[in-house]
Amino acid sequence: MIEARELTKQFGKVKAVDNVSFKVAPGELFAFLGPNGAGKTTTIKMLSGLLIPTSGTAYIDGVSVIDNPVEAKKHMGFVPDQPNVYDKLTLREFLNFVISIYRVDRKRAGQIADEYLDIFELADRQDELLQGYSHGMRQKTNIIAALIHEPKVMFLDEPTVGLDPRSARLIKDILKQLTAEGKTIFMSTHILEIAEEMADRVGIIQKGQLKFIGTVAELRSSQGKEGSLEELFLQLTASEDDKELISHLKG
C-alpha cells in the first residue's frame, strides 16, 4: 500500500533522508520513530507528495507520488505535526472546502464529517471561526479533514500532541478501527508507549538512515535483550558519547 524506494532528500550539504526503502502493507499500523531531526517529517512529506525527493520515489496503492501526485493524493489523508487551518473560515466551511477539493460525494462526506464532529464533541462549535480554536481543537479539525474522503492510507505526524487524554484515546481507537477495516496507517510519534501498544511494525530512523524495520519482538531479538520499546530504542539510537555517559551513571 505504501512503498518507498531509495528515498533521499538533501538540503545543501545535509542529507536529511538517505536512501530509505521500505513497504507498509494494507491494514498495517506502522510507527515511524527517531530522535529529533532524524528525518521522520521529511520522509512523511516525501511519501505524501508535499516534498519532492532529491532522488528515489514513492508509491501509494501502486500510484507514483512523483509521476502522478494528484491521483496518489486521492488515496491518502495527511495530518501534519502543526495543525494549520484557515482562521477566517468556520469549521463547517473548512470541511466543505476539503470536500470540494477531493470531489467526493457531498452527502456521504457530510455524513462522515457529522459522525466525527459528534465523536470529537465539536458539533456545537462548527459555526465558529477557526481562529478561536485551541491547539487541540485545530488538531481534531485536521484529523476530521483527513478522514472525510475515506482514504486508504493515513499519514499522521505526531497526532496526539496537544490533545487531552480523552481525545488521545479517541484517536487511538479510531486508528485501530481504520486498520481493522483494511486501511493503512503511517504514524510518527515520540510517545513510544503508543507505538509499542498499537504498532504492527516499527521503523527507526537516525540521521536520515533507516536503522531498523520490523516488529518489537524482532527488535528485541536484533538487540539481544528484553525490554520495553523505549529501552530498545534508546539503545539502538544512542551515540558513543551517550553510551559512555550511561555507563558512567550506572557506576
C-alpha atoms as a PDB file:
ATOM      1  CA  MET A   1       0.000   0.000   0.000  1.00  0.00           C
ATOM      2  CA  ILE A   2       2.921   2.349   0.817  1.00  0.00           C
ATOM      3  CA  GLU A   3       6.289   1.848  -0.832  1.00  0.00           C
ATOM      4  CA  ALA A   4       9.438   3.941  -0.522  1.00  0.00           C
ATOM      5  CA  ARG A   5      12.223   3.231  -2.996  1.00  0.00           C
ATOM      6  CA  GLU A   6      15.647   4.667  -2.189  1.00  0.00           C
ATOM      7  CA  LEU A   7      14.143   7.955  -0.978  1.00  0.00           C
ATOM      8  CA  THR A   8      16.766  10.637  -0.482  1.00  0.00           C
ATOM      9  CA  LYS A   9      16.397  14.298   0.407  1.00  0.00           C
ATOM     10  CA  GLN A  10      19.348  16.644   0.552  1.00  0.00           C
ATOM     11  CA  PHE A  11      19.272  20.220   1.847  1.00  0.00           C
ATOM     12  CA  GLY A  12      22.550  21.798   0.806  1.00  0.00           C
ATOM     13  CA  LYS A  13      25.271  19.521   2.128  1.00  0.00           C
ATOM     14  CA  VAL A  14      22.974  17.798   4.608  1.00  0.00           C
ATOM     15  CA  LYS A  15      21.214  14.529   3.740  1.00  0.00           C
ATOM     16  CA  ALA A  16      18.031  14.712   5.790  1.00  0.00           C
ATOM     17  CA  VAL A  17      16.940  11.317   4.410  1.00  0.00           C
ATOM     18  CA  ASP A  18      19.496   8.930   2.949  1.00  0.00           C
ATOM     19  CA  ASN A  19      18.450   6.118   0.587  1.00  0.00           C
ATOM     20  CA  VAL A  20      15.442   4.894   2.588  1.00  0.00           C
ATOM     21  CA  SER A  21      13.419   1.937   1.267  1.00  0.00           C
ATOM     22  CA  PHE A  22      10.518   0.002   2.843  1.00  0.00           C
ATOM     23  CA  LYS A  23       6.956  -1.201   2.314  1.00  0.00           C
ATOM     24  CA  VAL A  24       3.856  -0.921   4.504  1.00  0.00           C
ATOM     25  CA  ALA A  25       1.044  -3.402   3.888  1.00  0.00           C
ATOM     26  CA  PRO A  26      -2.724  -2.807   3.731  1.00  0.00           C
ATOM     27  CA  GLY A  27      -4.309  -2.933   7.185  1.00  0.00           C
ATOM     28  CA  GLU A  28      -0.999  -2.271   8.932  1.00  0.00           C
ATOM     29  CA  LEU A  29      -0.312   0.358  11.563  1.00  0.00           C
ATOM     30  CA  PHE A  30       3.311   1.369  11.095  1.00  0.00           C
ATOM     31  CA  ALA A  31       5.046   3.575  13.664  1.00  0.00           C
ATOM     32  CA  PHE A  32       7.944   5.664  12.389  1.00  0.00           C
ATOM     33  CA  LEU A  33      10.342   6.546  15.191  1.00  0.00           C
ATOM     34  CA  GLY A  34      13.512   8.555  15.584  1.00  0.00           C
ATOM     35  CA  PRO A  35      15.212  11.316  17.571  1.00  0.00           C
ATOM     36  CA  ASN A  36      14.531  14.972  16.777  1.00  0.00           C
ATOM     37  CA  GLY A  37      15.969  15.832  13.376  1.00  0.00           C
ATOM     38  CA  ALA A  38      16.287  12.195  12.341  1.00  0.00           C
ATOM     39  CA  GLY A  39      14.288  12.645   9.118  1.00  0.00           C
ATOM     40  CA  LYS A  40      10.809  11.488  10.143  1.00  0.00           C
ATOM     41  CA  THR A  41       8.831  14.500   8.966  1.00  0.00           C
ATOM     42  CA  THR A  42      10.907  14.847   5.795  1.00  0.00           C
ATOM     43  CA  THR A  43      10.180  11.195   4.937  1.00  0.00           C
ATOM     44  CA  ILE A  44       6.452  11.641   5.559  1.00  0.00           C
ATOM     45  CA  LYS A  45       6.371  14.757   3.388  1.00  0.00           C
ATOM     46  CA  MET A  46       8.051  12.902   0.533  1.00  0.00           C
ATOM     47  CA  LEU A  47       5.713   9.927   0.864  1.00  0.00           C
ATOM     48  CA  SER A  48       2.669  12.195   0.852  1.00  0.00           C
ATOM     49  CA  GLY A  49       3.827  14.342  -2.072  1.00  0.00           C
ATOM     50  CA  LEU A  50       4.439  17.517  -0.083  1.00  0.00           C
ATOM     51  CA  LEU A  51       8.178  17.436  -0.732  1.00  0.00           C
ATOM     52  CA  ILE A  52       9.957  16.341  -3.901  1.00  0.00           C
ATOM     53  CA  PRO A  53      12.811  13.925  -3.155  1.00  0.00           C
ATOM     54  CA  THR A  54      16.332  14.604  -4.370  1.00  0.00           C
ATOM     55  CA  SER A  55      16.285  11.034  -5.661  1.00  0.00           C
ATOM     56  CA  GLY A  56      14.180   7.922  -5.270  1.00  0.00           C
ATOM     57  CA  THR A  57      10.425   7.600  -5.457  1.00  0.00           C
ATOM     58  CA  ALA A  58       7.319   6.556  -3.523  1.00  0.00           C
ATOM     59  CA  TYR A  59       4.072   4.775  -4.316  1.00  0.00           C
ATOM     60  CA  ILE A  60       0.632   4.877  -2.699  1.00  0.00           C
ATOM     61  CA  ASP A  61      -1.585   1.948  -3.660  1.00  0.00           C
ATOM     62  CA  GLY A  62       0.639   1.418  -6.710  1.00  0.00           C
ATOM     63  CA  VAL A  63       0.408   5.046  -7.857  1.00  0.00           C
ATOM     64  CA  SER A  64       3.626   7.054  -8.125  1.00  0.00           C
ATOM     65  CA  VAL A  65       3.589  10.076  -5.838  1.00  0.00           C
ATOM     66  CA  ILE A  66       6.211  11.697  -8.085  1.00  0.00           C
ATOM     67  CA  ASP A  67       4.728  10.989 -11.515  1.00  0.00           C
ATOM     68  CA  ASN A  68       1.029  11.152 -10.651  1.00  0.00           C
ATOM     69  CA  PRO A  69       0.680  13.185  -7.439  1.00  0.00           C
ATOM     70  CA  VAL A  70      -2.975  14.170  -7.831  1.00  0.00           C
ATOM     71  CA  GLU A  71      -4.105  10.558  -8.282  1.00  0.00           C
ATOM     72  CA  ALA A  72      -1.899   9.378  -5.395  1.00  0.00           C
ATOM     73  CA  LYS A  73      -3.281  12.019  -3.057  1.00  0.00           C
ATOM     74  CA  LYS A  74      -6.833  10.843  -3.696  1.00  0.00           C
ATOM     75  CA  HIS A  75      -5.932   7.719  -1.743  1.00  0.00           C
ATOM     76  CA  MET A  76      -4.353   9.402   1.279  1.00  0.00           C
ATOM     77  CA  GLY A  77      -5.110  11.601   4.247  1.00  0.00           C
ATOM     78  CA  PHE A  78      -2.453  13.683   5.966  1.00  0.00           C
ATOM     79  CA  VAL A  79      -2.332  15.107   9.494  1.00  0.00           C
ATOM     80  CA  PRO A  80       0.723  17.369   9.977  1.00  0.00           C
ATOM     81  CA  ASP A  81       2.599  17.944  13.213  1.00  0.00           C
ATOM     82  CA  GLN A  82       1.387  21.556  13.277  1.00  0.00           C
ATOM     83  CA  PRO A  83      -2.416  21.892  12.883  1.00  0.00           C
ATOM     84  CA  ASN A  84      -2.680  24.633  10.246  1.00  0.00           C
ATOM     85  CA  VAL A  85      -6.188  25.776   9.337  1.00  0.00           C
ATOM     86  CA  TYR A  86      -7.818  28.749   7.626  1.00  0.00           C
ATOM     87  CA  ASP A  87      -8.557  31.073  10.533  1.00  0.00           C
ATOM     88  CA  LYS A  88     -11.248  33.079   8.745  1.00  0.00           C
ATOM     89  CA  LEU A  89     -13.374  30.020   7.984  1.00  0.00           C
ATOM     90  CA  THR A  90     -15.746  28.271  10.339  1.00  0.00           C
ATOM     91  CA  LEU A  91     -15.169  24.578  10.973  1.00  0.00           C
ATOM     92  CA  ARG A  92     -18.113  23.648   8.748  1.00  0.00           C
ATOM     93  CA  GLU A  93     -16.879  25.936   5.952  1.00  0.00           C
ATOM     94  CA  PHE A  94     -13.414  24.404   6.198  1.00  0.00           C
ATOM     95  CA  LEU A  95     -14.761  20.856   5.955  1.00  0.00           C
ATOM     96  CA  ASN A  96     -16.967  21.803   2.990  1.00  0.00           C
ATOM     97  CA  PHE A  97     -13.879  23.278   1.334  1.00  0.00           C
ATOM     98  CA  VAL A  98     -11.991  20.000   1.847  1.00  0.00           C
ATOM     99  CA  ILE A  99     -14.933  18.026   0.445  1.00  0.00           C
ATOM    100  CA  SER A 100     -14.927  20.200  -2.689  1.00  0.00           C
ATOM    101  CA  ILE A 101     -11.169  19.661  -3.185  1.00  0.00           C
ATOM    102  CA  TYR A 102     -11.489  15.876  -3.149  1.00  0.00           C
ATOM    103  CA  ARG A 103     -14.621  15.967  -5.333  1.00  0.00           C
ATOM    104  CA  VAL A 104     -16.264  13.188  -3.364  1.00  0.00           C
ATOM    105  CA  ASP A 105     -19.970  12.612  -2.829  1.00  0.00           C
ATOM    106  CA  ARG A 106     -21.045  15.563  -0.690  1.00  0.00           C
ATOM    107  CA  LYS A 107     -23.810  13.674   1.091  1.00  0.00           C
ATOM    108  CA  ARG A 108     -21.568  10.777   2.099  1.00  0.00           C
ATOM    109  CA  ALA A 109     -18.713  13.085   3.092  1.00  0.00           C
ATOM    110  CA  GLY A 110     -21.108  15.254   5.085  1.00  0.00           C
ATOM    111  CA  GLN A 111     -22.299  12.197   6.999  1.00  0.00           C
ATOM    112  CA  ILE A 112     -18.699  11.254   7.814  1.00  0.00           C
ATOM    113  CA  ALA A 113     -17.992  14.803   8.952  1.00  0.00           C
ATOM    114  CA  ASP A 114     -21.062  14.800  11.204  1.00  0.00           C
ATOM    115  CA  GLU A 115     -20.028  11.481  12.765  1.00  0.00           C
ATOM    116  CA  TYR A 116     -16.562  12.765  13.671  1.00  0.00           C
ATOM    117  CA  LEU A 117     -17.883  16.121  14.840  1.00  0.00           C
ATOM    118  CA  ASP A 118     -20.000  14.214  17.341  1.00  0.00           C
ATOM    119  CA  ILE A 119     -17.138  11.906  18.334  1.00  0.00           C
ATOM    120  CA  PHE A 120     -14.811  14.868  18.987  1.00  0.00           C
ATOM    121  CA  GLU A 121     -17.583  16.948  20.584  1.00  0.00           C
ATOM    122  CA  LEU A 122     -17.218  19.744  18.050  1.00  0.00           C
ATOM    123  CA  ALA A 123     -20.731  19.704  16.569  1.00  0.00           C
ATOM    124  CA  ASP A 124     -21.852  22.679  18.655  1.00  0.00           C
ATOM    125  CA  ARG A 125     -18.712  24.651  17.689  1.00  0.00           C
ATOM    126  CA  GLN A 126     -18.796  24.051  13.928  1.00  0.00           C
ATOM    127  CA  ASP A 127     -20.154  27.518  13.085  1.00  0.00           C
ATOM    128  CA  GLU A 128     -17.395  29.340  14.978  1.00  0.00           C
ATOM    129  CA  LEU A 129     -14.333  30.777  13.237  1.00  0.00           C
ATOM    130  CA  LEU A 130     -11.290  28.516  13.458  1.00  0.00           C
ATOM    131  CA  GLN A 131      -9.178  31.429  14.671  1.00  0.00           C
ATOM    132  CA  GLY A 132     -10.752  30.975  18.088  1.00  0.00           C
ATOM    133  CA  TYR A 133      -9.930  27.273  18.303  1.00  0.00           C
ATOM    134  CA  SER A 134      -7.377  25.875  20.723  1.00  0.00           C
ATOM    135  CA  HIS A 135      -4.430  23.768  19.535  1.00  0.00           C
ATOM    136  CA  GLY A 136      -6.297  20.574  20.424  1.00  0.00           C
ATOM    137  CA  MET A 137      -9.440  21.651  18.569  1.00  0.00           C
ATOM    138  CA  ARG A 138      -7.369  22.518  15.496  1.00  0.00           C
ATOM    139  CA  GLN A 139      -5.736  19.100  15.682  1.00  0.00           C
ATOM    140  CA  LYS A 140      -9.150  17.427  15.767  1.00  0.00           C
ATOM    141  CA  THR A 141     -10.230  19.585  12.811  1.00  0.00           C
ATOM    142  CA  ASN A 142      -7.237  18.387  10.776  1.00  0.00           C
ATOM    143  CA  ILE A 143      -7.974  14.769  11.648  1.00  0.00           C
ATOM    144  CA  ILE A 144     -11.601  15.072  10.533  1.00  0.00           C
ATOM    145  CA  ALA A 145     -10.482  16.774   7.304  1.00  0.00           C
ATOM    146  CA  ALA A 146      -8.019  13.945   6.629  1.00  0.00           C
ATOM    147  CA  LEU A 147     -10.691  11.278   7.113  1.00  0.00           C
ATOM    148  CA  ILE A 148     -13.549  12.922   5.254  1.00  0.00           C
ATOM    149  CA  HIS A 149     -12.841  11.297   1.863  1.00  0.00           C
ATOM    150  CA  GLU A 150     -12.299   7.807   3.366  1.00  0.00           C
ATOM    151  CA  PRO A 151      -8.643   7.430   2.307  1.00  0.00           C
ATOM    152  CA  LYS A 152      -6.927   4.069   2.017  1.00  0.00           C
ATOM    153  CA  VAL A 153      -3.767   5.466   3.624  1.00  0.00           C
ATOM    154  CA  MET A 154      -3.373   7.852   6.560  1.00  0.00           C
ATOM    155  CA  PHE A 155      -0.169   9.743   7.357  1.00  0.00           C
ATOM    156  CA  LEU A 156      -0.062  11.205  10.867  1.00  0.00           C
ATOM    157  CA  ASP A 157       2.883  13.220  12.171  1.00  0.00           C
ATOM    158  CA  GLU A 158       2.710  13.301  15.995  1.00  0.00           C
ATOM    159  CA  PRO A 159      -1.116  13.051  16.006  1.00  0.00           C
ATOM    160  CA  THR A 160      -1.637  13.123  19.790  1.00  0.00           C
ATOM    161  CA  VAL A 161       0.490  16.217  20.541  1.00  0.00           C
ATOM    162  CA  GLY A 162      -1.619  18.864  22.285  1.00  0.00           C
ATOM    163  CA  LEU A 163      -4.574  16.565  22.856  1.00  0.00           C
ATOM    164  CA  ASP A 164      -6.112  15.853  26.236  1.00  0.00           C
ATOM    165  CA  PRO A 165      -6.063  12.202  27.409  1.00  0.00           C
ATOM    166  CA  ARG A 166      -9.656  11.521  26.313  1.00  0.00           C
ATOM    167  CA  SER A 167      -9.061  12.880  22.803  1.00  0.00           C
ATOM    168  CA  ALA A 168      -5.777  10.966  22.520  1.00  0.00           C
ATOM    169  CA  ARG A 169      -7.630   7.786  23.458  1.00  0.00           C
ATOM    170  CA  LEU A 170     -10.253   8.533  20.808  1.00  0.00           C
ATOM    171  CA  ILE A 171      -7.538   8.927  18.166  1.00  0.00           C
ATOM    172  CA  LYS A 172      -6.036   5.573  19.103  1.00  0.00           C
ATOM    173  CA  ASP A 173      -9.455   3.892  18.943  1.00  0.00           C
ATOM    174  CA  ILE A 174     -10.159   5.452  15.539  1.00  0.00           C
ATOM    175  CA  LEU A 175      -6.806   4.302  14.156  1.00  0.00           C
ATOM    176  CA  LYS A 176      -7.395   0.754  15.402  1.00  0.00           C
ATOM    177  CA  GLN A 177     -10.812   0.745  13.736  1.00  0.00           C
ATOM    178  CA  LEU A 178      -9.348   2.002  10.459  1.00  0.00           C
ATOM    179  CA  THR A 179      -6.726  -0.743  10.353  1.00  0.00           C
ATOM    180  CA  ALA A 180      -9.431  -3.313  11.159  1.00  0.00           C
ATOM    181  CA  GLU A 181     -11.195  -2.041   8.025  1.00  0.00           C
ATOM    182  CA  GLY A 182      -8.041  -2.625   5.976  1.00  0.00           C
ATOM    183  CA  LYS A 183      -6.773   0.965   5.943  1.00  0.00           C
ATOM    184  CA  THR A 184      -3.031   1.622   6.253  1.00  0.00           C
ATOM    185  CA  ILE A 185      -1.740   3.932   8.983  1.00  0.00           C
ATOM    186  CA  PHE A 186       1.727   5.511   8.891  1.00  0.00           C
ATOM    187  CA  MET A 187       2.340   7.387  12.124  1.00  0.00           C
ATOM    188  CA  SER A 188       5.330   9.163  13.602  1.00  0.00           C
ATOM    189  CA  THR A 189       5.411   9.655  17.359  1.00  0.00           C
ATOM    190  CA  HIS A 190       7.795  10.443  20.200  1.00  0.00           C
ATOM    191  CA  ILE A 191       5.478   8.652  22.614  1.00  0.00           C
ATOM    192  CA  LEU A 192       6.997   5.187  22.449  1.00  0.00           C
ATOM    193  CA  GLU A 193       4.328   3.651  24.701  1.00  0.00           C
ATOM    194  CA  ILE A 194       1.764   4.421  21.989  1.00  0.00           C
ATOM    195  CA  ALA A 195       3.950   2.814  19.335  1.00  0.00           C
ATOM    196  CA  GLU A 196       4.517  -0.282  21.468  1.00  0.00           C
ATOM    197  CA  GLU A 197       0.817  -0.596  22.251  1.00  0.00           C
ATOM    198  CA  MET A 198      -0.534  -0.050  18.752  1.00  0.00           C
ATOM    199  CA  ALA A 199       2.005  -0.690  16.008  1.00  0.00           C
ATOM    200  CA  ASP A 200       2.179  -3.884  13.972  1.00  0.00           C
ATOM    201  CA  ARG A 201       5.718  -2.888  12.991  1.00  0.00           C
ATOM    202  CA  VAL A 202       8.068  -0.011  13.718  1.00  0.00           C
ATOM    203  CA  GLY A 203      10.709   1.727  11.669  1.00  0.00           C
ATOM    204  CA  ILE A 204      13.560   3.558  13.384  1.00  0.00           C
ATOM    205  CA  ILE A 205      15.419   6.295  11.542  1.00  0.00           C
ATOM    206  CA  GLN A 206      18.514   8.110  12.753  1.00  0.00           C
ATOM    207  CA  LYS A 207      20.481  10.803  10.948  1.00  0.00           C
ATOM    208  CA  GLY A 208      18.450  10.121   7.827  1.00  0.00           C
ATOM    209  CA  GLN A 209      19.220   6.392   7.687  1.00  0.00           C
ATOM    210  CA  LEU A 210      16.793   3.581   8.412  1.00  0.00           C
ATOM    211  CA  LYS A 211      18.326   1.627  11.300  1.00  0.00           C
ATOM    212  CA  PHE A 212      15.596  -0.946  11.834  1.00  0.00           C
ATOM    213  CA  ILE A 213      12.254  -2.092  10.484  1.00  0.00           C
ATOM    214  CA  GLY A 214      10.168  -4.899  11.942  1.00  0.00           C
ATOM    215  CA  THR A 215       8.120  -5.917  14.963  1.00  0.00           C
ATOM    216  CA  VAL A 216       9.065  -5.045  18.522  1.00  0.00           C
ATOM    217  CA  ALA A 217       9.806  -8.735  19.096  1.00  0.00           C
ATOM    218  CA  GLU A 218      12.222  -8.670  16.148  1.00  0.00           C
ATOM    219  CA  LEU A 219      13.827  -5.534  17.578  1.00  0.00           C
ATOM    220  CA  ARG A 220      14.401  -7.332  20.894  1.00  0.00           C
ATOM    221  CA  SER A 221      15.971 -10.225  19.025  1.00  0.00           C
ATOM    222  CA  SER A 222      18.220  -7.939  16.987  1.00  0.00           C
ATOM    223  CA  GLN A 223      19.387  -6.099  20.114  1.00  0.00           C
ATOM    224  CA  GLY A 224      19.853  -9.343  22.060  1.00  0.00           C
ATOM    225  CA  LYS A 225      17.886  -8.217  25.086  1.00  0.00           C
ATOM    226  CA  GLU A 226      14.420  -7.970  26.551  1.00  0.00           C
ATOM    227  CA  GLY A 227      12.968  -4.619  27.473  1.00  0.00           C
ATOM    228  CA  SER A 228      10.408  -2.019  26.554  1.00  0.00           C
ATOM    229  CA  LEU A 229      10.382  -0.326  23.162  1.00  0.00           C
ATOM    230  CA  GLU A 230      11.721   2.791  24.887  1.00  0.00           C
ATOM    231  CA  GLU A 231      14.745   0.916  26.242  1.00  0.00           C
ATOM    232  CA  LEU A 232      15.422  -0.772  22.926  1.00  0.00           C
ATOM    233  CA  PHE A 233      15.022   2.495  21.015  1.00  0.00           C
ATOM    234  CA  LEU A 234      17.462   4.322  23.290  1.00  0.00           C
ATOM    235  CA  GLN A 235      19.982   1.502  22.977  1.00  0.00           C
ATOM    236  CA  LEU A 236      19.763   1.463  19.183  1.00  0.00           C
ATOM    237  CA  THR A 237      19.965   5.236  18.712  1.00  0.00           C
ATOM    238  CA  ALA A 238      22.457   6.111  21.462  1.00  0.00           C
ATOM    239  CA  SER A 239      25.688   7.744  20.327  1.00  0.00           C
ATOM    240  CA  GLU A 240      29.036   6.561  21.666  1.00  0.00           C
ATOM    241  CA  ASP A 241      29.124   9.612  23.958  1.00  0.00           C
ATOM    242  CA  ASP A 242      25.642   8.715  25.228  1.00  0.00           C
ATOM    243  CA  LYS A 243      26.735   5.136  25.919  1.00  0.00           C
ATOM    244  CA  GLU A 244      29.784   6.308  27.843  1.00  0.00           C
ATOM    245  CA  LEU A 245      27.633   8.672  29.894  1.00  0.00           C
ATOM    246  CA  ILE A 246      25.055   5.951  30.644  1.00  0.00           C
ATOM    247  CA  SER A 247      27.844   3.566  31.645  1.00  0.00           C
ATOM    248  CA  HIS A 248      29.348   6.238  33.915  1.00  0.00           C
ATOM    249  CA  LEU A 249      25.985   6.993  35.554  1.00  0.00           C
ATOM    250  CA  LYS A 250      25.428   3.300  36.232  1.00  0.00           C
ATOM    251  CA  GLY A 251      28.629   3.319  38.182  1.00  0.00           C
END
